[in-house]
Amino acid sequence: MTLTDFLAVSDITSTINACRANDSFSPNNFFAMVGLSKKSPPEIEKIFMILDQDKSGYIEPDALQLFLQNFSKGARPLTAAETSAFLLAGDQDGDGKIGWDEFSNLVMSS
């Protein structure tokens, strides 16, 4: 299973291009532009499982930094400020990582 099973390649490409510049990434804008916010909860869960590459049940800060590369291999890493803002937006329980429920809430609010 890959992200392109759920998201259009053209949407991924245009969204990655829209946040090419450093400090231009916003989780809410990204999720809306790539079409993720229009997906059903079961689809969002499957996408989370793809993004949770170490299968820990969480997306940790080091994985958040490489978030865009999950969508496009040549995408840039997020800056430290973008990574911190992403974590702040998604980490509702303050444990320093984003779990499935937190990710789903973040996506659905975008």
PDB file of N, CA and C in Angstrom:
ATOM      1  N   MET A   1       0.835  -1.174   0.000  1.00  0.00           N
ATOM      2  CA  MET A   1       0.000   0.000   0.000  1.00  0.00           C
ATOM      3  C   MET A   1       0.887   1.246   0.000  1.00  0.00           C
ATOM      4  N   THR A   2       0.548   2.186  -0.854  1.00  0.00           N
ATOM      5  CA  THR A   2       1.310   3.427  -0.940  1.00  0.00           C
ATOM      6  C   THR A   2       0.357   4.618  -0.853  1.00  0.00           C
ATOM      7  N   LEU A   3       0.928   5.791  -0.658  1.00  0.00           N
ATOM      8  CA  LEU A   3       0.118   6.999  -0.565  1.00  0.00           C
ATOM      9  C   LEU A   3      -0.679   7.255  -1.829  1.00  0.00           C
ATOM     10  N   THR A   4      -0.127   6.851  -2.980  1.00  0.00           N
ATOM     11  CA  THR A   4      -0.832   7.079  -4.239  1.00  0.00           C
ATOM     12  C   THR A   4      -2.047   6.152  -4.405  1.00  0.00           C
ATOM     13  N   ASP A   5      -2.209   5.202  -3.500  1.00  0.00           N
ATOM     14  CA  ASP A   5      -3.441   4.416  -3.485  1.00  0.00           C
ATOM     15  C   ASP A   5      -4.602   5.263  -2.962  1.00  0.00           C
ATOM     16  N   PHE A   6      -4.284   6.354  -2.270  1.00  0.00           N
ATOM     17  CA  PHE A   6      -5.301   7.200  -1.638  1.00  0.00           C
ATOM     18  C   PHE A   6      -5.308   8.637  -2.166  1.00  0.00           C
ATOM     19  N   LEU A   7      -4.168   9.090  -2.646  1.00  0.00           N
ATOM     20  CA  LEU A   7      -4.012  10.484  -3.067  1.00  0.00           C
ATOM     21  C   LEU A   7      -3.542  10.549  -4.511  1.00  0.00           C
ATOM     22  N   ALA A   8      -4.038  11.521  -5.248  1.00  0.00           N
ATOM     23  CA  ALA A   8      -3.661  11.679  -6.660  1.00  0.00           C
ATOM     24  C   ALA A   8      -2.226  12.178  -6.778  1.00  0.00           C
ATOM     25  N   VAL A   9      -1.484  11.606  -7.687  1.00  0.00           N
ATOM     26  CA  VAL A   9      -0.102  12.010  -7.926  1.00  0.00           C
ATOM     27  C   VAL A   9      -0.032  13.501  -8.237  1.00  0.00           C
ATOM     28  N   SER A  10      -0.983  13.993  -9.034  1.00  0.00           N
ATOM     29  CA  SER A  10      -0.973  15.415  -9.391  1.00  0.00           C
ATOM     30  C   SER A  10      -1.173  16.303  -8.164  1.00  0.00           C
ATOM     31  N   ASP A  11      -2.020  15.878  -7.231  1.00  0.00           N
ATOM     32  CA  ASP A  11      -2.216  16.643  -5.996  1.00  0.00           C
ATOM     33  C   ASP A  11      -0.959  16.623  -5.133  1.00  0.00           C
ATOM     34  N   ILE A  12      -0.316  15.480  -5.059  1.00  0.00           N
ATOM     35  CA  ILE A  12       0.929  15.372  -4.289  1.00  0.00           C
ATOM     36  C   ILE A  12       1.978  16.294  -4.887  1.00  0.00           C
ATOM     37  N   THR A  13       2.149  16.227  -6.196  1.00  0.00           N
ATOM     38  CA  THR A  13       3.164  17.039  -6.871  1.00  0.00           C
ATOM     39  C   THR A  13       2.926  18.527  -6.671  1.00  0.00           C
ATOM     40  N   SER A  14       1.706  18.975  -6.879  1.00  0.00           N
ATOM     41  CA  SER A  14       1.427  20.407  -6.732  1.00  0.00           C
ATOM     42  C   SER A  14       1.556  20.858  -5.277  1.00  0.00           C
ATOM     43  N   THR A  15       1.215  20.004  -4.338  1.00  0.00           N
ATOM     44  CA  THR A  15       1.327  20.357  -2.920  1.00  0.00           C
ATOM     45  C   THR A  15       2.789  20.429  -2.495  1.00  0.00           C
ATOM     46  N   ILE A  16       3.590  19.487  -2.924  1.00  0.00           N
ATOM     47  CA  ILE A  16       5.027  19.517  -2.616  1.00  0.00           C
ATOM     48  C   ILE A  16       5.660  20.772  -3.223  1.00  0.00           C
ATOM     49  N   ASN A  17       5.280  21.102  -4.445  1.00  0.00           N
ATOM     50  CA  ASN A  17       5.812  22.311  -5.091  1.00  0.00           C
ATOM     51  C   ASN A  17       5.399  23.578  -4.346  1.00  0.00           C
ATOM     52  N   ALA A  18       4.199  23.585  -3.793  1.00  0.00           N
ATOM     53  CA  ALA A  18       3.704  24.762  -3.075  1.00  0.00           C
ATOM     54  C   ALA A  18       4.455  25.028  -1.775  1.00  0.00           C
ATOM     55  N   CYS A  19       5.094  24.000  -1.238  1.00  0.00           N
ATOM     56  CA  CYS A  19       5.850  24.204   0.009  1.00  0.00           C
ATOM     57  C   CYS A  19       7.338  23.922  -0.200  1.00  0.00           C
ATOM     58  N   ARG A  20       7.804  24.262  -1.379  1.00  0.00           N
ATOM     59  CA  ARG A  20       9.213  24.052  -1.732  1.00  0.00           C
ATOM     60  C   ARG A  20      10.149  24.969  -0.927  1.00  0.00           C
ATOM     61  N   ALA A  21       9.718  26.180  -0.670  1.00  0.00           N
ATOM     62  CA  ALA A  21      10.575  27.137   0.059  1.00  0.00           C
ATOM     63  C   ALA A  21      10.597  26.808   1.553  1.00  0.00           C
ATOM     64  N   ASN A  22      11.743  27.019   2.158  1.00  0.00           N
ATOM     65  CA  ASN A  22      11.853  26.822   3.604  1.00  0.00           C
ATOM     66  C   ASN A  22      10.817  27.671   4.322  1.00  0.00           C
ATOM     67  N   ASP A  23      10.266  27.125   5.377  1.00  0.00           N
ATOM     68  CA  ASP A  23       9.281  27.783   6.237  1.00  0.00           C
ATOM     69  C   ASP A  23       7.971  28.103   5.523  1.00  0.00           C
ATOM     70  N   SER A  24       7.651  27.356   4.468  1.00  0.00           N
ATOM     71  CA  SER A  24       6.384  27.538   3.766  1.00  0.00           C
ATOM     72  C   SER A  24       5.396  26.414   4.063  1.00  0.00           C
ATOM     73  N   PHE A  25       5.804  25.426   4.859  1.00  0.00           N
ATOM     74  CA  PHE A  25       4.953  24.273   5.169  1.00  0.00           C
ATOM     75  C   PHE A  25       4.009  24.599   6.320  1.00  0.00           C
ATOM     76  N   SER A  26       2.747  24.273   6.127  1.00  0.00           N
ATOM     77  CA  SER A  26       1.719  24.353   7.166  1.00  0.00           C
ATOM     78  C   SER A  26       0.949  23.042   7.115  1.00  0.00           C
ATOM     79  N   PRO A  27       0.862  22.308   8.227  1.00  0.00           N
ATOM     80  CA  PRO A  27       0.144  21.027   8.176  1.00  0.00           C
ATOM     81  C   PRO A  27      -1.283  21.170   7.657  1.00  0.00           C
ATOM     82  N   ASN A  28      -2.016  22.165   8.154  1.00  0.00           N
ATOM     83  CA  ASN A  28      -3.408  22.317   7.726  1.00  0.00           C
ATOM     84  C   ASN A  28      -3.508  22.599   6.232  1.00  0.00           C
ATOM     85  N   ASN A  29      -2.680  23.496   5.725  1.00  0.00           N
ATOM     86  CA  ASN A  29      -2.689  23.782   4.288  1.00  0.00           C
ATOM     87  C   ASN A  29      -2.278  22.557   3.485  1.00  0.00           C
ATOM     88  N   PHE A  30      -1.255  21.867   3.961  1.00  0.00           N
ATOM     89  CA  PHE A  30      -0.767  20.680   3.267  1.00  0.00           C
ATOM     90  C   PHE A  30      -1.867  19.626   3.162  1.00  0.00           C
ATOM     91  N   PHE A  31      -2.511  19.304   4.298  1.00  0.00           N
ATOM     92  CA  PHE A  31      -3.539  18.261   4.296  1.00  0.00           C
ATOM     93  C   PHE A  31      -4.705  18.623   3.383  1.00  0.00           C
ATOM     94  N   ALA A  32      -5.076  19.900   3.371  1.00  0.00           N
ATOM     95  CA  ALA A  32      -6.169  20.338   2.500  1.00  0.00           C
ATOM     96  C   ALA A  32      -5.761  20.254   1.028  1.00  0.00           C
ATOM     97  N   MET A  33      -4.575  20.766   0.701  1.00  0.00           N
ATOM     98  CA  MET A  33      -4.129  20.795  -0.695  1.00  0.00           C
ATOM     99  C   MET A  33      -3.913  19.408  -1.284  1.00  0.00           C
ATOM    100  N   VAL A  34      -3.356  18.500  -0.491  1.00  0.00           N
ATOM    101  CA  VAL A  34      -3.047  17.169  -1.010  1.00  0.00           C
ATOM    102  C   VAL A  34      -4.302  16.282  -1.074  1.00  0.00           C
ATOM    103  N   GLY A  35      -5.402  16.748  -0.462  1.00  0.00           N
ATOM    104  CA  GLY A  35      -6.648  16.000  -0.501  1.00  0.00           C
ATOM    105  C   GLY A  35      -6.871  15.085   0.686  1.00  0.00           C
ATOM    106  N   LEU A  36      -5.972  15.102   1.623  1.00  0.00           N
ATOM    107  CA  LEU A  36      -6.077  14.210   2.782  1.00  0.00           C
ATOM    108  C   LEU A  36      -7.265  14.566   3.667  1.00  0.00           C
ATOM    109  N   SER A  37      -7.562  15.844   3.788  1.00  0.00           N
ATOM    110  CA  SER A  37      -8.656  16.266   4.665  1.00  0.00           C
ATOM    111  C   SER A  37     -10.028  15.840   4.148  1.00  0.00           C
ATOM    112  N   LYS A  38     -10.101  15.393   2.899  1.00  0.00           N
ATOM    113  CA  LYS A  38     -11.360  14.927   2.320  1.00  0.00           C
ATOM    114  C   LYS A  38     -11.542  13.411   2.452  1.00  0.00           C
ATOM    115  N   LYS A  39     -10.570  12.761   3.034  1.00  0.00           N
ATOM    116  CA  LYS A  39     -10.617  11.305   3.153  1.00  0.00           C
ATOM    117  C   LYS A  39     -11.423  10.876   4.380  1.00  0.00           C
ATOM    118  N   SER A  40     -11.913   9.656   4.347  1.00  0.00           N
ATOM    119  CA  SER A  40     -12.680   9.095   5.463  1.00  0.00           C
ATOM    120  C   SER A  40     -11.722   8.694   6.588  1.00  0.00           C
ATOM    121  N   PRO A  41     -12.226   8.582   7.818  1.00  0.00           N
ATOM    122  CA  PRO A  41     -11.359   8.146   8.922  1.00  0.00           C
ATOM    123  C   PRO A  41     -10.614   6.832   8.646  1.00  0.00           C
ATOM    124  N   PRO A  42     -11.252   5.811   8.052  1.00  0.00           N
ATOM    125  CA  PRO A  42     -10.484   4.596   7.744  1.00  0.00           C
ATOM    126  C   PRO A  42      -9.341   4.838   6.748  1.00  0.00           C
ATOM    127  N   GLU A  43      -9.576   5.726   5.773  1.00  0.00           N
ATOM    128  CA  GLU A  43      -8.519   6.048   4.810  1.00  0.00           C
ATOM    129  C   GLU A  43      -7.397   6.822   5.497  1.00  0.00           C
ATOM    130  N   ILE A  44      -7.757   7.758   6.362  1.00  0.00           N
ATOM    131  CA  ILE A  44      -6.751   8.531   7.101  1.00  0.00           C
ATOM    132  C   ILE A  44      -5.914   7.598   7.973  1.00  0.00           C
ATOM    133  N   GLU A  45      -6.561   6.613   8.566  1.00  0.00           N
ATOM    134  CA  GLU A  45      -5.817   5.652   9.394  1.00  0.00           C
ATOM    135  C   GLU A  45      -4.824   4.858   8.545  1.00  0.00           C
ATOM    136  N   LYS A  46      -5.224   4.452   7.360  1.00  0.00           N
ATOM    137  CA  LYS A  46      -4.307   3.708   6.486  1.00  0.00           C
ATOM    138  C   LYS A  46      -3.133   4.588   6.064  1.00  0.00           C
ATOM    139  N   ILE A  47      -3.407   5.859   5.802  1.00  0.00           N
ATOM    140  CA  ILE A  47      -2.338   6.789   5.443  1.00  0.00           C
ATOM    141  C   ILE A  47      -1.398   6.980   6.634  1.00  0.00           C
ATOM    142  N   PHE A  48      -1.950   7.111   7.834  1.00  0.00           N
ATOM    143  CA  PHE A  48      -1.118   7.217   9.039  1.00  0.00           C
ATOM    144  C   PHE A  48      -0.208   5.994   9.157  1.00  0.00           C
ATOM    145  N   MET A  49      -0.748   4.819   8.898  1.00  0.00           N
ATOM    146  CA  MET A  49       0.047   3.593   9.004  1.00  0.00           C
ATOM    147  C   MET A  49       1.205   3.598   8.007  1.00  0.00           C
ATOM    148  N   ILE A  50       1.002   4.197   6.839  1.00  0.00           N
ATOM    149  CA  ILE A  50       2.092   4.317   5.862  1.00  0.00           C
ATOM    150  C   ILE A  50       3.140   5.307   6.378  1.00  0.00           C
ATOM    151  N   LEU A  51       2.682   6.429   6.943  1.00  0.00           N
ATOM    152  CA  LEU A  51       3.594   7.466   7.432  1.00  0.00           C
ATOM    153  C   LEU A  51       4.359   7.012   8.674  1.00  0.00           C
ATOM    154  N   ASP A  52       3.762   6.138   9.467  1.00  0.00           N
ATOM    155  CA  ASP A  52       4.414   5.582  10.667  1.00  0.00           C
ATOM    156  C   ASP A  52       5.345   4.457  10.227  1.00  0.00           C
ATOM    157  N   GLN A  53       6.448   4.844   9.634  1.00  0.00           N
ATOM    158  CA  GLN A  53       7.334   3.871   9.000  1.00  0.00           C
ATOM    159  C   GLN A  53       7.973   2.887   9.972  1.00  0.00           C
ATOM    160  N   ASP A  54       8.198   3.299  11.214  1.00  0.00           N
ATOM    161  CA  ASP A  54       8.801   2.362  12.174  1.00  0.00           C
ATOM    162  C   ASP A  54       7.743   1.544  12.917  1.00  0.00           C
ATOM    163  N   LYS A  55       6.480   1.758  12.572  1.00  0.00           N
ATOM    164  CA  LYS A  55       5.342   1.018  13.119  1.00  0.00           C
ATOM    165  C   LYS A  55       5.271   1.103  14.646  1.00  0.00           C
ATOM    166  N   SER A  56       5.645   2.258  15.191  1.00  0.00           N
ATOM    167  CA  SER A  56       5.602   2.480  16.638  1.00  0.00           C
ATOM    168  C   SER A  56       4.227   2.940  17.115  1.00  0.00           C
ATOM    169  N   GLY A  57       3.370   3.329  16.174  1.00  0.00           N
ATOM    170  CA  GLY A  57       2.073   3.881  16.533  1.00  0.00           C
ATOM    171  C   GLY A  57       2.114   5.397  16.675  1.00  0.00           C
ATOM    172  N   TYR A  58       3.272   5.974  16.375  1.00  0.00           N
ATOM    173  CA  TYR A  58       3.472   7.415  16.506  1.00  0.00           C
ATOM    174  C   TYR A  58       4.329   7.930  15.355  1.00  0.00           C
ATOM    175  N   ILE A  59       4.197   9.229  15.114  1.00  0.00           N
ATOM    176  CA  ILE A  59       5.134   9.913  14.231  1.00  0.00           C
ATOM    177  C   ILE A  59       5.945  10.825  15.139  1.00  0.00           C
ATOM    178  N   GLU A  60       7.228  10.507  15.278  1.00  0.00           N
ATOM    179  CA  GLU A  60       8.121  11.229  16.164  1.00  0.00           C
ATOM    180  C   GLU A  60       8.746  12.424  15.438  1.00  0.00           C
ATOM    181  N   PRO A  61       9.352  13.349  16.194  1.00  0.00           N
ATOM    182  CA  PRO A  61       9.935  14.557  15.585  1.00  0.00           C
ATOM    183  C   PRO A  61      10.913  14.290  14.442  1.00  0.00           C
ATOM    184  N   ASP A  62      11.767  13.267  14.561  1.00  0.00           N
ATOM    185  CA  ASP A  62      12.719  12.997  13.475  1.00  0.00           C
ATOM    186  C   ASP A  62      11.989  12.565  12.197  1.00  0.00           C
ATOM    187  N   ALA A  63      10.878  11.845  12.350  1.00  0.00           N
ATOM    188  CA  ALA A  63      10.077  11.457  11.190  1.00  0.00           C
ATOM    189  C   ALA A  63       9.288  12.652  10.650  1.00  0.00           C
ATOM    190  N   LEU A  64       8.861  13.551  11.545  1.00  0.00           N
ATOM    191  CA  LEU A  64       8.160  14.758  11.099  1.00  0.00           C
ATOM    192  C   LEU A  64       9.063  15.604  10.217  1.00  0.00           C
ATOM    193  N   GLN A  65      10.341  15.669  10.569  1.00  0.00           N
ATOM    194  CA  GLN A  65      11.279  16.468   9.791  1.00  0.00           C
ATOM    195  C   GLN A  65      11.346  15.963   8.352  1.00  0.00           C
ATOM    196  N   LEU A  66      11.176  14.677   8.164  1.00  0.00           N
ATOM    197  CA  LEU A  66      11.253  14.069   6.831  1.00  0.00           C
ATOM    198  C   LEU A  66       9.863  13.807   6.235  1.00  0.00           C
ATOM    199  N   PHE A  67       8.842  14.437   6.812  1.00  0.00           N
ATOM    200  CA  PHE A  67       7.452  14.203   6.438  1.00  0.00           C
ATOM    201  C   PHE A  67       7.199  14.344   4.939  1.00  0.00           C
ATOM    202  N   LEU A  68       7.679  15.408   4.324  1.00  0.00           N
ATOM    203  CA  LEU A  68       7.421  15.644   2.902  1.00  0.00           C
ATOM    204  C   LEU A  68       8.018  14.554   2.025  1.00  0.00           C
ATOM    205  N   GLN A  69       9.113  13.959   2.470  1.00  0.00           N
ATOM    206  CA  GLN A  69       9.776  12.924   1.694  1.00  0.00           C
ATOM    207  C   GLN A  69       8.954  11.636   1.621  1.00  0.00           C
ATOM    208  N   ASN A  70       7.989  11.481   2.519  1.00  0.00           N
ATOM    209  CA  ASN A  70       7.057  10.353   2.416  1.00  0.00           C
ATOM    210  C   ASN A  70       6.175  10.495   1.184  1.00  0.00           C
ATOM    211  N   PHE A  71       5.942  11.727   0.769  1.00  0.00           N
ATOM    212  CA  PHE A  71       5.067  12.010  -0.363  1.00  0.00           C
ATOM    213  C   PHE A  71       5.838  12.104  -1.672  1.00  0.00           C
ATOM    214  N   SER A  72       7.094  12.552  -1.596  1.00  0.00           N
ATOM    215  CA  SER A  72       7.932  12.689  -2.785  1.00  0.00           C
ATOM    216  C   SER A  72       9.390  12.554  -2.363  1.00  0.00           C
ATOM    217  N   LYS A  73      10.079  11.582  -2.925  1.00  0.00           N
ATOM    218  CA  LYS A  73      11.459  11.282  -2.516  1.00  0.00           C
ATOM    219  C   LYS A  73      12.388  12.484  -2.598  1.00  0.00           C
ATOM    220  N   GLY A  74      12.177  13.367  -3.542  1.00  0.00           N
ATOM    221  CA  GLY A  74      13.063  14.513  -3.704  1.00  0.00           C
ATOM    222  C   GLY A  74      12.671  15.732  -2.894  1.00  0.00           C
ATOM    223  N   ALA A  75      11.636  15.603  -2.077  1.00  0.00           N
ATOM    224  CA  ALA A  75      11.168  16.759  -1.306  1.00  0.00           C
ATOM    225  C   ALA A  75      12.178  17.131  -0.225  1.00  0.00           C
ATOM    226  N   ARG A  76      12.130  18.373   0.163  1.00  0.00           N
ATOM    227  CA  ARG A  76      13.060  18.869   1.177  1.00  0.00           C
ATOM    228  C   ARG A  76      12.629  18.431   2.577  1.00  0.00           C
ATOM    229  N   PRO A  77      13.567  18.380   3.505  1.00  0.00           N
ATOM    230  CA  PRO A  77      13.174  18.157   4.905  1.00  0.00           C
ATOM    231  C   PRO A  77      12.539  19.432   5.458  1.00  0.00           C
ATOM    232  N   LEU A  78      11.691  19.274   6.447  1.00  0.00           N
ATOM    233  CA  LEU A  78      11.125  20.438   7.109  1.00  0.00           C
ATOM    234  C   LEU A  78      12.207  21.127   7.928  1.00  0.00           C
ATOM    235  N   THR A  79      12.095  22.435   8.063  1.00  0.00           N
ATOM    236  CA  THR A  79      13.029  23.170   8.908  1.00  0.00           C
ATOM    237  C   THR A  79      12.719  22.849  10.368  1.00  0.00           C
ATOM    238  N   ALA A  80      13.632  23.225  11.250  1.00  0.00           N
ATOM    239  CA  ALA A  80      13.408  23.005  12.686  1.00  0.00           C
ATOM    240  C   ALA A  80      12.145  23.728  13.143  1.00  0.00           C
ATOM    241  N   ALA A  81      11.927  24.947  12.641  1.00  0.00           N
ATOM    242  CA  ALA A  81      10.736  25.716  13.017  1.00  0.00           C
ATOM    243  C   ALA A  81       9.458  25.035  12.517  1.00  0.00           C
ATOM    244  N   GLU A  82       9.483  24.528  11.286  1.00  0.00           N
ATOM    245  CA  GLU A  82       8.315  23.839  10.737  1.00  0.00           C
ATOM    246  C   GLU A  82       8.030  22.552  11.504  1.00  0.00           C
ATOM    247  N   THR A  83       9.081  21.811  11.829  1.00  0.00           N
ATOM    248  CA  THR A  83       8.922  20.572  12.580  1.00  0.00           C
ATOM    249  C   THR A  83       8.320  20.857  13.951  1.00  0.00           C
ATOM    250  N   SER A  84       8.826  21.880  14.619  1.00  0.00           N
ATOM    251  CA  SER A  84       8.301  22.256  15.942  1.00  0.00           C
ATOM    252  C   SER A  84       6.841  22.687  15.855  1.00  0.00           C
ATOM    253  N   ALA A  85       6.507  23.485  14.840  1.00  0.00           N
ATOM    254  CA  ALA A  85       5.131  23.950  14.672  1.00  0.00           C
ATOM    255  C   ALA A  85       4.196  22.773  14.361  1.00  0.00           C
ATOM    256  N   PHE A  86       4.653  21.838  13.550  1.00  0.00           N
ATOM    257  CA  PHE A  86       3.877  20.642  13.211  1.00  0.00           C
ATOM    258  C   PHE A  86       3.608  19.841  14.480  1.00  0.00           C
ATOM    259  N   LEU A  87       4.639  19.626  15.262  1.00  0.00           N
ATOM    260  CA  LEU A  87       4.499  18.877  16.508  1.00  0.00           C
ATOM    261  C   LEU A  87       3.553  19.602  17.464  1.00  0.00           C
ATOM    262  N   LEU A  88       3.700  20.890  17.586  1.00  0.00           N
ATOM    263  CA  LEU A  88       2.835  21.681  18.462  1.00  0.00           C
ATOM    264  C   LEU A  88       1.371  21.585  18.019  1.00  0.00           C
ATOM    265  N   ALA A  89       1.131  21.610  16.708  1.00  0.00           N
ATOM    266  CA  ALA A  89      -0.227  21.534  16.180  1.00  0.00           C
ATOM    267  C   ALA A  89      -0.862  20.168  16.410  1.00  0.00           C
ATOM    268  N   GLY A  90      -0.049  19.119  16.367  1.00  0.00           N
ATOM    269  CA  GLY A  90      -0.603  17.771  16.428  1.00  0.00           C
ATOM    270  C   GLY A  90      -0.520  17.062  17.751  1.00  0.00           C
ATOM    271  N   ASP A  91       0.443  17.393  18.564  1.00  0.00           N
ATOM    272  CA  ASP A  91       0.687  16.668  19.817  1.00  0.00           C
ATOM    273  C   ASP A  91      -0.223  17.200  20.921  1.00  0.00           C
ATOM    274  N   GLN A  92      -1.402  16.627  21.024  1.00  0.00           N
ATOM    275  CA  GLN A  92      -2.399  17.111  21.972  1.00  0.00           C
ATOM    276  C   GLN A  92      -2.127  16.706  23.417  1.00  0.00           C
ATOM    277  N   ASP A  93      -1.448  15.589  23.616  1.00  0.00           N
ATOM    278  CA  ASP A  93      -1.215  15.133  24.990  1.00  0.00           C
ATOM    279  C   ASP A  93       0.171  15.493  25.523  1.00  0.00           C
ATOM    280  N   GLY A  94       0.969  16.178  24.703  1.00  0.00           N
ATOM    281  CA  GLY A  94       2.259  16.674  25.160  1.00  0.00           C
ATOM    282  C   GLY A  94       3.337  15.614  25.359  1.00  0.00           C
ATOM    283  N   ASP A  95       3.198  14.463  24.707  1.00  0.00           N
ATOM    284  CA  ASP A  95       4.203  13.411  24.871  1.00  0.00           C
ATOM    285  C   ASP A  95       5.359  13.502  23.879  1.00  0.00           C
ATOM    286  N   GLY A  96       5.345  14.533  23.018  1.00  0.00           N
ATOM    287  CA  GLY A  96       6.452  14.746  22.094  1.00  0.00           C
ATOM    288  C   GLY A  96       6.367  13.964  20.800  1.00  0.00           C
ATOM    289  N   LYS A  97       5.216  13.414  20.520  1.00  0.00           N
ATOM    290  CA  LYS A  97       5.013  12.667  19.273  1.00  0.00           C
ATOM    291  C   LYS A  97       3.532  12.719  18.914  1.00  0.00           C
ATOM    292  N   ILE A  98       3.215  12.356  17.677  1.00  0.00           N
ATOM    293  CA  ILE A  98       1.840  12.420  17.190  1.00  0.00           C
ATOM    294  C   ILE A  98       1.326  11.008  16.964  1.00  0.00           C
ATOM    295  N   GLY A  99       0.308  10.646  17.732  1.00  0.00           N
ATOM    296  CA  GLY A  99      -0.328   9.338  17.587  1.00  0.00           C
ATOM    297  C   GLY A  99      -1.450   9.385  16.568  1.00  0.00           C
ATOM    298  N   TRP A 100      -2.060   8.229  16.351  1.00  0.00           N
ATOM    299  CA  TRP A 100      -3.123   8.112  15.365  1.00  0.00           C
ATOM    300  C   TRP A 100      -4.263   9.088  15.632  1.00  0.00           C
ATOM    301  N   ASP A 101      -4.787   9.126  16.853  1.00  0.00           N
ATOM    302  CA  ASP A 101      -5.911  10.022  17.164  1.00  0.00           C
ATOM    303  C   ASP A 101      -5.536  11.477  16.945  1.00  0.00           C
ATOM    304  N   GLU A 102      -4.330  11.842  17.349  1.00  0.00           N
ATOM    305  CA  GLU A 102      -3.873  13.228  17.176  1.00  0.00           C
ATOM    306  C   GLU A 102      -3.731  13.560  15.694  1.00  0.00           C
ATOM    307  N   PHE A 103      -3.181  12.640  14.929  1.00  0.00           N
ATOM    308  CA  PHE A 103      -3.029  12.853  13.489  1.00  0.00           C
ATOM    309  C   PHE A 103      -4.401  13.002  12.844  1.00  0.00           C
ATOM    310  N   SER A 104      -5.324  12.137  13.187  1.00  0.00           N
ATOM    311  CA  SER A 104      -6.667  12.186  12.628  1.00  0.00           C
ATOM    312  C   SER A 104      -7.333  13.523  12.966  1.00  0.00           C
ATOM    313  N   ASN A 105      -7.226  13.955  14.198  1.00  0.00           N
ATOM    314  CA  ASN A 105      -7.809  15.245  14.606  1.00  0.00           C
ATOM    315  C   ASN A 105      -7.212  16.391  13.821  1.00  0.00           C
ATOM    316  N   LEU A 106      -5.899  16.360  13.637  1.00  0.00           N
ATOM    317  CA  LEU A 106      -5.219  17.414  12.895  1.00  0.00           C
ATOM    318  C   LEU A 106      -5.678  17.441  11.438  1.00  0.00           C
ATOM    319  N   VAL A 107      -5.751  16.278  10.821  1.00  0.00           N
ATOM    320  CA  VAL A 107      -6.191  16.194   9.427  1.00  0.00           C
ATOM    321  C   VAL A 107      -7.636  16.662   9.296  1.00  0.00           C
ATOM    322  N   MET A 108      -8.501  16.193  10.165  1.00  0.00           N
ATOM    323  CA  MET A 108      -9.932  16.516  10.065  1.00  0.00           C
ATOM    324  C   MET A 108     -10.198  17.999  10.332  1.00  0.00           C
ATOM    325  N   SER A 109      -9.309  18.662  11.063  1.00  0.00           N
ATOM    326  CA  SER A 109      -9.498  20.089  11.349  1.00  0.00           C
ATOM    327  C   SER A 109      -8.973  20.988  10.223  1.00  0.00           C
ATOM    328  N   SER A 110      -8.343  20.383   9.217  1.00  0.00           N
ATOM    329  CA  SER A 110      -7.762  21.198   8.140  1.00  0.00           C
ATOM    330  C   SER A 110      -8.742  21.424   7.009  1.00  0.00           C
TER     331      SER A 110
END
